Amino acid sequence: MTGSSTQGIKTVLYPVSDLAAAKEVYAALLGVPPKTDESYYVGFEAEGQHIGLVPSGGPQGMTSPVAYWHVPDIEAKLAELTVAGATVKEPAHDVGGGRLVAAATDTDGNALGLLQDR
């Protein structure tokens, strides 16, 4: 293999029980106000990273942080992961603005998030 088939981890989502309290903590940590501030999601942009806060783990039921690997072709990467032994937990779907996300687990059950911007 001559190069990485991902663009790296650029997005990390955290499930939070108290969105308002978590927003204050992450604003202090990152030193910037949220770019997105809604009742269902708070997102920060800092130094090329997107940090998102998801109340109660959102509809996907997150119970721990999930790092999202940015990829140019989410379906191809899901197929590669499946062949390698990963299990798809959340098929690729559009979350708005042409952004696709998916989730899988590795052979130990660790969460692997995938993200593709169109």
PDB file of N, CA and C in Angstrom:
ATOM      1  N   MET A   1       0.853  -1.170   0.000  1.00  0.00           N
ATOM      2  CA  MET A   1       0.000   0.000   0.000  1.00  0.00           C
ATOM      3  C   MET A   1       0.899   1.233   0.000  1.00  0.00           C
ATOM      4  N   THR A   2       0.634   2.166  -0.883  1.00  0.00           N
ATOM      5  CA  THR A   2       1.503   3.333  -1.025  1.00  0.00           C
ATOM      6  C   THR A   2       1.026   4.537  -0.235  1.00  0.00           C
ATOM      7  N   GLY A   3      -0.220   4.580   0.160  1.00  0.00           N
ATOM      8  CA  GLY A   3      -0.733   5.714   0.911  1.00  0.00           C
ATOM      9  C   GLY A   3      -1.986   5.322   1.664  1.00  0.00           C
ATOM     10  N   SER A   4      -2.392   6.161   2.570  1.00  0.00           N
ATOM     11  CA  SER A   4      -3.577   5.891   3.364  1.00  0.00           C
ATOM     12  C   SER A   4      -4.830   6.031   2.517  1.00  0.00           C
ATOM     13  N   SER A   5      -5.791   5.177   2.792  1.00  0.00           N
ATOM     14  CA  SER A   5      -7.066   5.279   2.083  1.00  0.00           C
ATOM     15  C   SER A   5      -8.082   6.060   2.908  1.00  0.00           C
ATOM     16  N   THR A   6      -7.595   6.778   3.956  1.00  0.00           N
ATOM     17  CA  THR A   6      -8.465   7.681   4.702  1.00  0.00           C
ATOM     18  C   THR A   6      -7.841   9.069   4.704  1.00  0.00           C
ATOM     19  N   GLN A   7      -8.631  10.023   5.107  1.00  0.00           N
ATOM     20  CA  GLN A   7      -8.153  11.394   5.246  1.00  0.00           C
ATOM     21  C   GLN A   7      -7.905  11.710   6.722  1.00  0.00           C
ATOM     22  N   GLY A   8      -7.911  10.683   7.556  1.00  0.00           N
ATOM     23  CA  GLY A   8      -7.643  10.832   8.978  1.00  0.00           C
ATOM     24  C   GLY A   8      -8.886  11.025   9.810  1.00  0.00           C
ATOM     25  N   ILE A   9      -8.675  11.026  11.127  1.00  0.00           N
ATOM     26  CA  ILE A   9      -9.769  11.299  12.057  1.00  0.00           C
ATOM     27  C   ILE A   9      -9.892  12.807  12.177  1.00  0.00           C
ATOM     28  N   LYS A  10     -11.031  13.318  11.769  1.00  0.00           N
ATOM     29  CA  LYS A  10     -11.261  14.757  11.826  1.00  0.00           C
ATOM     30  C   LYS A  10     -12.506  15.096  12.638  1.00  0.00           C
ATOM     31  N   THR A  11     -13.277  14.079  13.007  1.00  0.00           N
ATOM     32  CA  THR A  11     -14.527  14.294  13.724  1.00  0.00           C
ATOM     33  C   THR A  11     -14.619  13.316  14.882  1.00  0.00           C
ATOM     34  N   VAL A  12     -14.951  13.826  16.059  1.00  0.00           N
ATOM     35  CA  VAL A  12     -15.193  12.979  17.220  1.00  0.00           C
ATOM     36  C   VAL A  12     -16.507  13.431  17.844  1.00  0.00           C
ATOM     37  N   LEU A  13     -17.418  12.474  18.043  1.00  0.00           N
ATOM     38  CA  LEU A  13     -18.700  12.771  18.674  1.00  0.00           C
ATOM     39  C   LEU A  13     -18.726  12.179  20.076  1.00  0.00           C
ATOM     40  N   TYR A  14     -19.264  12.952  21.009  1.00  0.00           N
ATOM     41  CA  TYR A  14     -19.373  12.543  22.406  1.00  0.00           C
ATOM     42  C   TYR A  14     -20.840  12.495  22.817  1.00  0.00           C
ATOM     43  N   PRO A  15     -21.300  11.385  23.376  1.00  0.00           N
ATOM     44  CA  PRO A  15     -22.645  11.368  23.951  1.00  0.00           C
ATOM     45  C   PRO A  15     -22.600  12.114  25.289  1.00  0.00           C
ATOM     46  N   VAL A  16     -23.583  12.958  25.549  1.00  0.00           N
ATOM     47  CA  VAL A  16     -23.604  13.730  26.794  1.00  0.00           C
ATOM     48  C   VAL A  16     -24.989  13.658  27.433  1.00  0.00           C
ATOM     49  N   SER A  17     -25.010  13.680  28.754  1.00  0.00           N
ATOM     50  CA  SER A  17     -26.285  13.617  29.464  1.00  0.00           C
ATOM     51  C   SER A  17     -26.876  15.004  29.693  1.00  0.00           C
ATOM     52  N   ASP A  18     -26.033  16.031  29.771  1.00  0.00           N
ATOM     53  CA  ASP A  18     -26.484  17.400  29.987  1.00  0.00           C
ATOM     54  C   ASP A  18     -25.814  18.275  28.927  1.00  0.00           C
ATOM     55  N   LEU A  19     -26.541  18.570  27.866  1.00  0.00           N
ATOM     56  CA  LEU A  19     -25.978  19.283  26.723  1.00  0.00           C
ATOM     57  C   LEU A  19     -25.460  20.671  27.111  1.00  0.00           C
ATOM     58  N   ALA A  20     -26.222  21.408  27.910  1.00  0.00           N
ATOM     59  CA  ALA A  20     -25.812  22.764  28.287  1.00  0.00           C
ATOM     60  C   ALA A  20     -24.509  22.738  29.096  1.00  0.00           C
ATOM     61  N   ALA A  21     -24.408  21.827  30.037  1.00  0.00           N
ATOM     62  CA  ALA A  21     -23.198  21.733  30.858  1.00  0.00           C
ATOM     63  C   ALA A  21     -22.005  21.294  30.015  1.00  0.00           C
ATOM     64  N   ALA A  22     -22.214  20.301  29.162  1.00  0.00           N
ATOM     65  CA  ALA A  22     -21.131  19.813  28.306  1.00  0.00           C
ATOM     66  C   ALA A  22     -20.659  20.901  27.346  1.00  0.00           C
ATOM     67  N   LYS A  23     -21.594  21.696  26.827  1.00  0.00           N
ATOM     68  CA  LYS A  23     -21.236  22.785  25.913  1.00  0.00           C
ATOM     69  C   LYS A  23     -20.271  23.752  26.582  1.00  0.00           C
ATOM     70  N   GLU A  24     -20.500  24.073  27.850  1.00  0.00           N
ATOM     71  CA  GLU A  24     -19.608  24.974  28.578  1.00  0.00           C
ATOM     72  C   GLU A  24     -18.218  24.367  28.738  1.00  0.00           C
ATOM     73  N   VAL A  25     -18.154  23.082  29.065  1.00  0.00           N
ATOM     74  CA  VAL A  25     -16.870  22.400  29.254  1.00  0.00           C
ATOM     75  C   VAL A  25     -16.069  22.386  27.956  1.00  0.00           C
ATOM     76  N   TYR A  26     -16.720  22.007  26.846  1.00  0.00           N
ATOM     77  CA  TYR A  26     -15.997  21.907  25.578  1.00  0.00           C
ATOM     78  C   TYR A  26     -15.641  23.274  25.021  1.00  0.00           C
ATOM     79  N   ALA A  27     -16.451  24.291  25.278  1.00  0.00           N
ATOM     80  CA  ALA A  27     -16.095  25.654  24.859  1.00  0.00           C
ATOM     81  C   ALA A  27     -14.844  26.111  25.610  1.00  0.00           C
ATOM     82  N   ALA A  28     -14.764  25.766  26.896  1.00  0.00           N
ATOM     83  CA  ALA A  28     -13.579  26.123  27.678  1.00  0.00           C
ATOM     84  C   ALA A  28     -12.361  25.338  27.188  1.00  0.00           C
ATOM     85  N   LEU A  29     -12.535  24.047  26.920  1.00  0.00           N
ATOM     86  CA  LEU A  29     -11.427  23.218  26.447  1.00  0.00           C
ATOM     87  C   LEU A  29     -10.886  23.719  25.110  1.00  0.00           C
ATOM     88  N   LEU A  30     -11.785  23.977  24.164  1.00  0.00           N
ATOM     89  CA  LEU A  30     -11.384  24.310  22.798  1.00  0.00           C
ATOM     90  C   LEU A  30     -11.100  25.804  22.605  1.00  0.00           C
ATOM     91  N   GLY A  31     -11.640  26.641  23.488  1.00  0.00           N
ATOM     92  CA  GLY A  31     -11.405  28.077  23.379  1.00  0.00           C
ATOM     93  C   GLY A  31     -12.179  28.756  22.275  1.00  0.00           C
ATOM     94  N   VAL A  32     -13.241  28.112  21.803  1.00  0.00           N
ATOM     95  CA  VAL A  32     -14.090  28.690  20.758  1.00  0.00           C
ATOM     96  C   VAL A  32     -15.552  28.402  21.096  1.00  0.00           C
ATOM     97  N   PRO A  33     -16.458  29.271  20.628  1.00  0.00           N
ATOM     98  CA  PRO A  33     -17.881  28.983  20.820  1.00  0.00           C
ATOM     99  C   PRO A  33     -18.332  27.914  19.821  1.00  0.00           C
ATOM    100  N   PRO A  34     -19.464  27.283  20.064  1.00  0.00           N
ATOM    101  CA  PRO A  34     -19.949  26.285  19.109  1.00  0.00           C
ATOM    102  C   PRO A  34     -20.287  26.910  17.756  1.00  0.00           C
ATOM    103  N   LYS A  35     -20.021  26.168  16.708  1.00  0.00           N
ATOM    104  CA  LYS A  35     -20.406  26.591  15.349  1.00  0.00           C
ATOM    105  C   LYS A  35     -21.860  26.215  15.096  1.00  0.00           C
ATOM    106  N   THR A  36     -22.264  25.062  15.629  1.00  0.00           N
ATOM    107  CA  THR A  36     -23.647  24.595  15.553  1.00  0.00           C
ATOM    108  C   THR A  36     -24.151  24.465  16.977  1.00  0.00           C
ATOM    109  N   ASP A  37     -25.295  25.061  17.267  1.00  0.00           N
ATOM    110  CA  ASP A  37     -25.818  25.040  18.637  1.00  0.00           C
ATOM    111  C   ASP A  37     -27.325  24.803  18.585  1.00  0.00           C
ATOM    112  N   GLU A  38     -27.700  23.545  18.549  1.00  0.00           N
ATOM    113  CA  GLU A  38     -29.104  23.147  18.476  1.00  0.00           C
ATOM    114  C   GLU A  38     -29.429  22.244  19.657  1.00  0.00           C
ATOM    115  N   SER A  39     -30.703  22.018  19.910  1.00  0.00           N
ATOM    116  CA  SER A  39     -31.111  21.163  21.031  1.00  0.00           C
ATOM    117  C   SER A  39     -30.729  19.705  20.812  1.00  0.00           C
ATOM    118  N   TYR A  40     -30.525  19.309  19.560  1.00  0.00           N
ATOM    119  CA  TYR A  40     -30.205  17.924  19.236  1.00  0.00           C
ATOM    120  C   TYR A  40     -28.716  17.698  18.950  1.00  0.00           C
ATOM    121  N   TYR A  41     -27.918  18.797  18.909  1.00  0.00           N
ATOM    122  CA  TYR A  41     -26.501  18.657  18.556  1.00  0.00           C
ATOM    123  C   TYR A  41     -25.778  19.980  18.759  1.00  0.00           C
ATOM    124  N   VAL A  42     -24.596  19.907  19.346  1.00  0.00           N
ATOM    125  CA  VAL A  42     -23.718  21.079  19.453  1.00  0.00           C
ATOM    126  C   VAL A  42     -22.387  20.681  18.830  1.00  0.00           C
ATOM    127  N   GLY A  43     -21.919  21.489  17.886  1.00  0.00           N
ATOM    128  CA  GLY A  43     -20.678  21.174  17.188  1.00  0.00           C
ATOM    129  C   GLY A  43     -19.680  22.315  17.239  1.00  0.00           C
ATOM    130  N   PHE A  44     -18.426  21.950  17.457  1.00  0.00           N
ATOM    131  CA  PHE A  44     -17.327  22.911  17.520  1.00  0.00           C
ATOM    132  C   PHE A  44     -16.342  22.632  16.383  1.00  0.00           C
ATOM    133  N   GLU A  45     -15.731  23.675  15.861  1.00  0.00           N
ATOM    134  CA  GLU A  45     -14.652  23.555  14.879  1.00  0.00           C
ATOM    135  C   GLU A  45     -13.408  24.162  15.499  1.00  0.00           C
ATOM    136  N   ALA A  46     -12.353  23.364  15.645  1.00  0.00           N
ATOM    137  CA  ALA A  46     -11.127  23.879  16.242  1.00  0.00           C
ATOM    138  C   ALA A  46      -9.923  23.179  15.638  1.00  0.00           C
ATOM    139  N   GLU A  47      -9.031  23.965  15.040  1.00  0.00           N
ATOM    140  CA  GLU A  47      -7.770  23.429  14.501  1.00  0.00           C
ATOM    141  C   GLU A  47      -7.981  22.242  13.564  1.00  0.00           C
ATOM    142  N   GLY A  48      -8.962  22.352  12.672  1.00  0.00           N
ATOM    143  CA  GLY A  48      -9.200  21.307  11.685  1.00  0.00           C
ATOM    144  C   GLY A  48      -9.966  20.104  12.204  1.00  0.00           C
ATOM    145  N   GLN A  49     -10.416  20.177  13.444  1.00  0.00           N
ATOM    146  CA  GLN A  49     -11.186  19.094  14.048  1.00  0.00           C
ATOM    147  C   GLN A  49     -12.625  19.543  14.252  1.00  0.00           C
ATOM    148  N   HIS A  50     -13.548  18.588  14.125  1.00  0.00           N
ATOM    149  CA  HIS A  50     -14.941  18.841  14.477  1.00  0.00           C
ATOM    150  C   HIS A  50     -15.245  18.005  15.706  1.00  0.00           C
ATOM    151  N   ILE A  51     -15.688  18.659  16.768  1.00  0.00           N
ATOM    152  CA  ILE A  51     -16.058  17.996  18.004  1.00  0.00           C
ATOM    153  C   ILE A  51     -17.558  18.190  18.177  1.00  0.00           C
ATOM    154  N   GLY A  52     -18.294  17.085  18.264  1.00  0.00           N
ATOM    155  CA  GLY A  52     -19.745  17.158  18.384  1.00  0.00           C
ATOM    156  C   GLY A  52     -20.242  16.573  19.687  1.00  0.00           C
ATOM    157  N   LEU A  53     -21.266  17.196  20.245  1.00  0.00           N
ATOM    158  CA  LEU A  53     -21.917  16.736  21.463  1.00  0.00           C
ATOM    159  C   LEU A  53     -23.317  16.255  21.106  1.00  0.00           C
ATOM    160  N   VAL A  54     -23.611  15.022  21.463  1.00  0.00           N
ATOM    161  CA  VAL A  54     -24.867  14.383  21.080  1.00  0.00           C
ATOM    162  C   VAL A  54     -25.658  14.058  22.354  1.00  0.00           C
ATOM    163  N   PRO A  55     -26.785  14.749  22.599  1.00  0.00           N
ATOM    164  CA  PRO A  55     -27.551  14.497  23.816  1.00  0.00           C
ATOM    165  C   PRO A  55     -28.049  13.058  23.896  1.00  0.00           C
ATOM    166  N   SER A  56     -27.824  12.446  25.028  1.00  0.00           N
ATOM    167  CA  SER A  56     -28.281  11.070  25.314  1.00  0.00           C
ATOM    168  C   SER A  56     -27.826  10.063  24.264  1.00  0.00           C
ATOM    169  N   GLY A  57     -26.756  10.347  23.561  1.00  0.00           N
ATOM    170  CA  GLY A  57     -26.238   9.426  22.554  1.00  0.00           C
ATOM    171  C   GLY A  57     -26.999   9.434  21.245  1.00  0.00           C
ATOM    172  N   GLY A  58     -27.993  10.313  21.124  1.00  0.00           N
ATOM    173  CA  GLY A  58     -28.737  10.452  19.873  1.00  0.00           C
ATOM    174  C   GLY A  58     -29.491   9.203  19.468  1.00  0.00           C
ATOM    175  N   PRO A  59     -30.073   9.235  18.267  1.00  0.00           N
ATOM    176  CA  PRO A  59     -30.858   8.093  17.795  1.00  0.00           C
ATOM    177  C   PRO A  59     -30.028   6.829  17.590  1.00  0.00           C
ATOM    178  N   GLN A  60     -28.713   6.994  17.408  1.00  0.00           N
ATOM    179  CA  GLN A  60     -27.850   5.833  17.219  1.00  0.00           C
ATOM    180  C   GLN A  60     -27.479   5.174  18.545  1.00  0.00           C
ATOM    181  N   GLY A  61     -27.861   5.788  19.674  1.00  0.00           N
ATOM    182  CA  GLY A  61     -27.631   5.183  20.981  1.00  0.00           C
ATOM    183  C   GLY A  61     -26.169   5.102  21.385  1.00  0.00           C
ATOM    184  N   MET A  62     -25.386   6.098  21.047  1.00  0.00           N
ATOM    185  CA  MET A  62     -23.968   6.108  21.408  1.00  0.00           C
ATOM    186  C   MET A  62     -23.818   6.008  22.921  1.00  0.00           C
ATOM    187  N   THR A  63     -22.900   5.191  23.371  1.00  0.00           N
ATOM    188  CA  THR A  63     -22.619   5.081  24.804  1.00  0.00           C
ATOM    189  C   THR A  63     -21.187   5.493  25.138  1.00  0.00           C
ATOM    190  N   SER A  64     -20.403   5.769  24.123  1.00  0.00           N
ATOM    191  CA  SER A  64     -19.029   6.227  24.307  1.00  0.00           C
ATOM    192  C   SER A  64     -18.663   7.099  23.109  1.00  0.00           C
ATOM    193  N   PRO A  65     -17.584   7.872  23.215  1.00  0.00           N
ATOM    194  CA  PRO A  65     -17.178   8.697  22.071  1.00  0.00           C
ATOM    195  C   PRO A  65     -16.897   7.845  20.842  1.00  0.00           C
ATOM    196  N   VAL A  66     -17.157   8.429  19.677  1.00  0.00           N
ATOM    197  CA  VAL A  66     -16.872   7.759  18.413  1.00  0.00           C
ATOM    198  C   VAL A  66     -16.020   8.682  17.554  1.00  0.00           C
ATOM    199  N   ALA A  67     -14.865   8.168  17.133  1.00  0.00           N
ATOM    200  CA  ALA A  67     -13.981   8.898  16.221  1.00  0.00           C
ATOM    201  C   ALA A  67     -14.397   8.556  14.795  1.00  0.00           C
ATOM    202  N   TYR A  68     -14.531   9.569  13.958  1.00  0.00           N
ATOM    203  CA  TYR A  68     -14.952   9.366  12.572  1.00  0.00           C
ATOM    204  C   TYR A  68     -13.769   9.576  11.632  1.00  0.00           C
ATOM    205  N   TRP A  69     -13.445   8.512  10.908  1.00  0.00           N
ATOM    206  CA  TRP A  69     -12.417   8.554   9.871  1.00  0.00           C
ATOM    207  C   TRP A  69     -13.056   9.140   8.617  1.00  0.00           C
ATOM    208  N   HIS A  70     -12.478  10.181   8.079  1.00  0.00           N
ATOM    209  CA  HIS A  70     -12.976  10.772   6.841  1.00  0.00           C
ATOM    210  C   HIS A  70     -12.421   9.969   5.665  1.00  0.00           C
ATOM    211  N   VAL A  71     -13.314   9.589   4.773  1.00  0.00           N
ATOM    212  CA  VAL A  71     -12.944   8.744   3.639  1.00  0.00           C
ATOM    213  C   VAL A  71     -13.542   9.302   2.354  1.00  0.00           C
ATOM    214  N   PRO A  72     -12.913   9.036   1.211  1.00  0.00           N
ATOM    215  CA  PRO A  72     -13.451   9.529  -0.055  1.00  0.00           C
ATOM    216  C   PRO A  72     -14.618   8.689  -0.577  1.00  0.00           C
ATOM    217  N   ASP A  73     -14.714   7.420  -0.171  1.00  0.00           N
ATOM    218  CA  ASP A  73     -15.785   6.533  -0.655  1.00  0.00           C
ATOM    219  C   ASP A  73     -16.248   5.645   0.498  1.00  0.00           C
ATOM    220  N   ILE A  74     -17.312   6.068   1.154  1.00  0.00           N
ATOM    221  CA  ILE A  74     -17.769   5.395   2.370  1.00  0.00           C
ATOM    222  C   ILE A  74     -18.239   3.966   2.115  1.00  0.00           C
ATOM    223  N   GLU A  75     -18.916   3.737   1.010  1.00  0.00           N
ATOM    224  CA  GLU A  75     -19.403   2.380   0.704  1.00  0.00           C
ATOM    225  C   GLU A  75     -18.235   1.428   0.456  1.00  0.00           C
ATOM    226  N   ALA A  76     -17.236   1.880  -0.274  1.00  0.00           N
ATOM    227  CA  ALA A  76     -16.066   1.043  -0.541  1.00  0.00           C
ATOM    228  C   ALA A  76     -15.326   0.730   0.759  1.00  0.00           C
ATOM    229  N   LYS A  77     -15.200   1.735   1.639  1.00  0.00           N
ATOM    230  CA  LYS A  77     -14.493   1.515   2.898  1.00  0.00           C
ATOM    231  C   LYS A  77     -15.282   0.574   3.806  1.00  0.00           C
ATOM    232  N   LEU A  78     -16.610   0.690   3.833  1.00  0.00           N
ATOM    233  CA  LEU A  78     -17.419  -0.258   4.604  1.00  0.00           C
ATOM    234  C   LEU A  78     -17.231  -1.682   4.087  1.00  0.00           C
ATOM    235  N   ALA A  79     -17.181  -1.829   2.777  1.00  0.00           N
ATOM    236  CA  ALA A  79     -16.970  -3.157   2.188  1.00  0.00           C
ATOM    237  C   ALA A  79     -15.604  -3.713   2.582  1.00  0.00           C
ATOM    238  N   GLU A  80     -14.573  -2.888   2.516  1.00  0.00           N
ATOM    239  CA  GLU A  80     -13.226  -3.322   2.915  1.00  0.00           C
ATOM    240  C   GLU A  80     -13.197  -3.753   4.381  1.00  0.00           C
ATOM    241  N   LEU A  81     -13.827  -2.960   5.231  1.00  0.00           N
ATOM    242  CA  LEU A  81     -13.847  -3.285   6.656  1.00  0.00           C
ATOM    243  C   LEU A  81     -14.582  -4.603   6.921  1.00  0.00           C
ATOM    244  N   THR A  82     -15.684  -4.812   6.225  1.00  0.00           N
ATOM    245  CA  THR A  82     -16.468  -6.036   6.406  1.00  0.00           C
ATOM    246  C   THR A  82     -15.653  -7.260   5.994  1.00  0.00           C
ATOM    247  N   VAL A  83     -14.980  -7.170   4.868  1.00  0.00           N
ATOM    248  CA  VAL A  83     -14.127  -8.278   4.412  1.00  0.00           C
ATOM    249  C   VAL A  83     -13.031  -8.557   5.432  1.00  0.00           C
ATOM    250  N   ALA A  84     -12.538  -7.514   6.092  1.00  0.00           N
ATOM    251  CA  ALA A  84     -11.459  -7.663   7.062  1.00  0.00           C
ATOM    252  C   ALA A  84     -11.949  -8.164   8.428  1.00  0.00           C
ATOM    253  N   GLY A  85     -13.268  -8.261   8.611  1.00  0.00           N
ATOM    254  CA  GLY A  85     -13.800  -8.800   9.857  1.00  0.00           C
ATOM    255  C   GLY A  85     -14.614  -7.842  10.700  1.00  0.00           C
ATOM    256  N   ALA A  86     -14.760  -6.599  10.269  1.00  0.00           N
ATOM    257  CA  ALA A  86     -15.578  -5.633  11.012  1.00  0.00           C
ATOM    258  C   ALA A  86     -17.062  -5.931  10.784  1.00  0.00           C
ATOM    259  N   THR A  87     -17.890  -5.408  11.684  1.00  0.00           N
ATOM    260  CA  THR A  87     -19.338  -5.566  11.584  1.00  0.00           C
ATOM    261  C   THR A  87     -19.978  -4.200  11.395  1.00  0.00           C
ATOM    262  N   VAL A  88     -20.812  -4.053  10.379  1.00  0.00           N
ATOM    263  CA  VAL A  88     -21.508  -2.787  10.149  1.00  0.00           C
ATOM    264  C   VAL A  88     -22.615  -2.652  11.190  1.00  0.00           C
ATOM    265  N   LYS A  89     -22.600  -1.546  11.922  1.00  0.00           N
ATOM    266  CA  LYS A  89     -23.614  -1.261  12.935  1.00  0.00           C
ATOM    267  C   LYS A  89     -24.608  -0.209  12.464  1.00  0.00           C
ATOM    268  N   GLU A  90     -24.156   0.666  11.584  1.00  0.00           N
ATOM    269  CA  GLU A  90     -24.998   1.739  11.069  1.00  0.00           C
ATOM    270  C   GLU A  90     -24.620   1.949   9.608  1.00  0.00           C
ATOM    271  N   PRO A  91     -25.478   1.524   8.672  1.00  0.00           N
ATOM    272  CA  PRO A  91     -25.153   1.691   7.252  1.00  0.00           C
ATOM    273  C   PRO A  91     -24.986   3.173   6.896  1.00  0.00           C
ATOM    274  N   ALA A  92     -24.314   3.430   5.812  1.00  0.00           N
ATOM    275  CA  ALA A  92     -24.110   4.801   5.359  1.00  0.00           C
ATOM    276  C   ALA A  92     -25.453   5.479   5.131  1.00  0.00           C
ATOM    277  N   HIS A  93     -25.564   6.700   5.652  1.00  0.00           N
ATOM    278  CA  HIS A  93     -26.778   7.482   5.437  1.00  0.00           C
ATOM    279  C   HIS A  93     -26.433   8.965   5.482  1.00  0.00           C
ATOM    280  N   ASP A  94     -27.257   9.750   4.813  1.00  0.00           N
ATOM    281  CA  ASP A  94     -27.053  11.188   4.711  1.00  0.00           C
ATOM    282  C   ASP A  94     -27.552  11.862   5.976  1.00  0.00           C
ATOM    283  N   VAL A  95     -26.705  12.693   6.579  1.00  0.00           N
ATOM    284  CA  VAL A  95     -27.107  13.427   7.781  1.00  0.00           C
ATOM    285  C   VAL A  95     -27.313  14.913   7.486  1.00  0.00           C
ATOM    286  N   GLY A  96     -27.368  15.255   6.219  1.00  0.00           N
ATOM    287  CA  GLY A  96     -27.621  16.630   5.813  1.00  0.00           C
ATOM    288  C   GLY A  96     -26.429  17.246   5.115  1.00  0.00           C
ATOM    289  N   GLY A  97     -26.707  18.088   4.180  1.00  0.00           N
ATOM    290  CA  GLY A  97     -25.656  18.795   3.467  1.00  0.00           C
ATOM    291  C   GLY A  97     -24.771  17.899   2.624  1.00  0.00           C
ATOM    292  N   GLY A  98     -25.263  16.705   2.271  1.00  0.00           N
ATOM    293  CA  GLY A  98     -24.482  15.781   1.470  1.00  0.00           C
ATOM    294  C   GLY A  98     -23.461  14.987   2.263  1.00  0.00           C
ATOM    295  N   ARG A  99     -23.472  15.117   3.573  1.00  0.00           N
ATOM    296  CA  ARG A  99     -22.534  14.377   4.430  1.00  0.00           C
ATOM    297  C   ARG A  99     -23.116  12.998   4.721  1.00  0.00           C
ATOM    298  N   LEU A 100     -22.289  11.971   4.462  1.00  0.00           N
ATOM    299  CA  LEU A 100     -22.676  10.594   4.754  1.00  0.00           C
ATOM    300  C   LEU A 100     -21.893  10.105   5.968  1.00  0.00           C
ATOM    301  N   VAL A 101     -22.566   9.377   6.845  1.00  0.00           N
ATOM    302  CA  VAL A 101     -21.886   8.757   7.979  1.00  0.00           C
ATOM    303  C   VAL A 101     -22.294   7.293   8.060  1.00  0.00           C
ATOM    304  N   ALA A 102     -21.427   6.507   8.664  1.00  0.00           N
ATOM    305  CA  ALA A 102     -21.685   5.086   8.904  1.00  0.00           C
ATOM    306  C   ALA A 102     -20.877   4.691  10.127  1.00  0.00           C
ATOM    307  N   ALA A 103     -21.243   3.549  10.713  1.00  0.00           N
ATOM    308  CA  ALA A 103     -20.496   3.054  11.866  1.00  0.00           C
ATOM    309  C   ALA A 103     -20.342   1.549  11.755  1.00  0.00           C
ATOM    310  N   ALA A 104     -19.196   1.097  12.223  1.00  0.00           N
ATOM    311  CA  ALA A 104     -18.897  -0.334  12.269  1.00  0.00           C
ATOM    312  C   ALA A 104     -18.194  -0.602  13.591  1.00  0.00           C
ATOM    313  N   THR A 105     -17.999  -1.862  13.892  1.00  0.00           N
ATOM    314  CA  THR A 105     -17.175  -2.225  15.047  1.00  0.00           C
ATOM    315  C   THR A 105     -16.074  -3.145  14.573  1.00  0.00           C
ATOM    316  N   ASP A 106     -14.920  -3.027  15.239  1.00  0.00           N
ATOM    317  CA  ASP A 106     -13.820  -3.921  14.907  1.00  0.00           C
ATOM    318  C   ASP A 106     -14.058  -5.273  15.585  1.00  0.00           C
ATOM    319  N   THR A 107     -13.121  -6.167  15.488  1.00  0.00           N
ATOM    320  CA  THR A 107     -13.314  -7.518  16.017  1.00  0.00           C
ATOM    321  C   THR A 107     -13.380  -7.559  17.544  1.00  0.00           C
ATOM    322  N   ASP A 108     -13.034  -6.442  18.210  1.00  0.00           N
ATOM    323  CA  ASP A 108     -13.149  -6.363  19.671  1.00  0.00           C
ATOM    324  C   ASP A 108     -14.340  -5.522  20.119  1.00  0.00           C
ATOM    325  N   GLY A 109     -15.152  -5.084  19.165  1.00  0.00           N
ATOM    326  CA  GLY A 109     -16.324  -4.294  19.508  1.00  0.00           C
ATOM    327  C   GLY A 109     -16.080  -2.801  19.607  1.00  0.00           C
ATOM    328  N   ASN A 110     -14.883  -2.347  19.263  1.00  0.00           N
ATOM    329  CA  ASN A 110     -14.593  -0.912  19.277  1.00  0.00           C
ATOM    330  C   ASN A 110     -15.297  -0.214  18.123  1.00  0.00           C
ATOM    331  N   ALA A 111     -15.852   0.953  18.397  1.00  0.00           N
ATOM    332  CA  ALA A 111     -16.582   1.708  17.381  1.00  0.00           C
ATOM    333  C   ALA A 111     -15.636   2.338  16.367  1.00  0.00           C
ATOM    334  N   LEU A 112     -16.003   2.222  15.097  1.00  0.00           N
ATOM    335  CA  LEU A 112     -15.294   2.860  13.984  1.00  0.00           C
ATOM    336  C   LEU A 112     -16.307   3.702  13.220  1.00  0.00           C
ATOM    337  N   GLY A 113     -16.173   5.006  13.282  1.00  0.00           N
ATOM    338  CA  GLY A 113     -17.045   5.880  12.521  1.00  0.00           C
ATOM    339  C   GLY A 113     -16.414   6.210  11.185  1.00  0.00           C
ATOM    340  N   LEU A 114     -17.250   6.306  10.163  1.00  0.00           N
ATOM    341  CA  LEU A 114     -16.807   6.722   8.828  1.00  0.00           C
ATOM    342  C   LEU A 114     -17.622   7.931   8.404  1.00  0.00           C
ATOM    343  N   LEU A 115     -16.985   8.853   7.705  1.00  0.00           N
ATOM    344  CA  LEU A 115     -17.638  10.061   7.256  1.00  0.00           C
ATOM    345  C   LEU A 115     -17.145  10.415   5.862  1.00  0.00           C
ATOM    346  N   GLN A 116     -18.104  10.722   4.985  1.00  0.00           N
ATOM    347  CA  GLN A 116     -17.760  11.152   3.620  1.00  0.00           C
ATOM    348  C   GLN A 116     -18.515  12.437   3.324  1.00  0.00           C
ATOM    349  N   ASP A 117     -17.773  13.474   2.939  1.00  0.00           N
ATOM    350  CA  ASP A 117     -18.401  14.712   2.461  1.00  0.00           C
ATOM    351  C   ASP A 117     -18.447  14.653   0.950  1.00  0.00           C
ATOM    352  N   ARG A 118     -19.577  15.029   0.422  1.00  0.00           N
ATOM    353  CA  ARG A 118     -19.722  15.029  -1.040  1.00  0.00           C
ATOM    354  C   ARG A 118     -19.382  16.371  -1.602  1.00  0.00           C
TER     355      ARG A 118
END
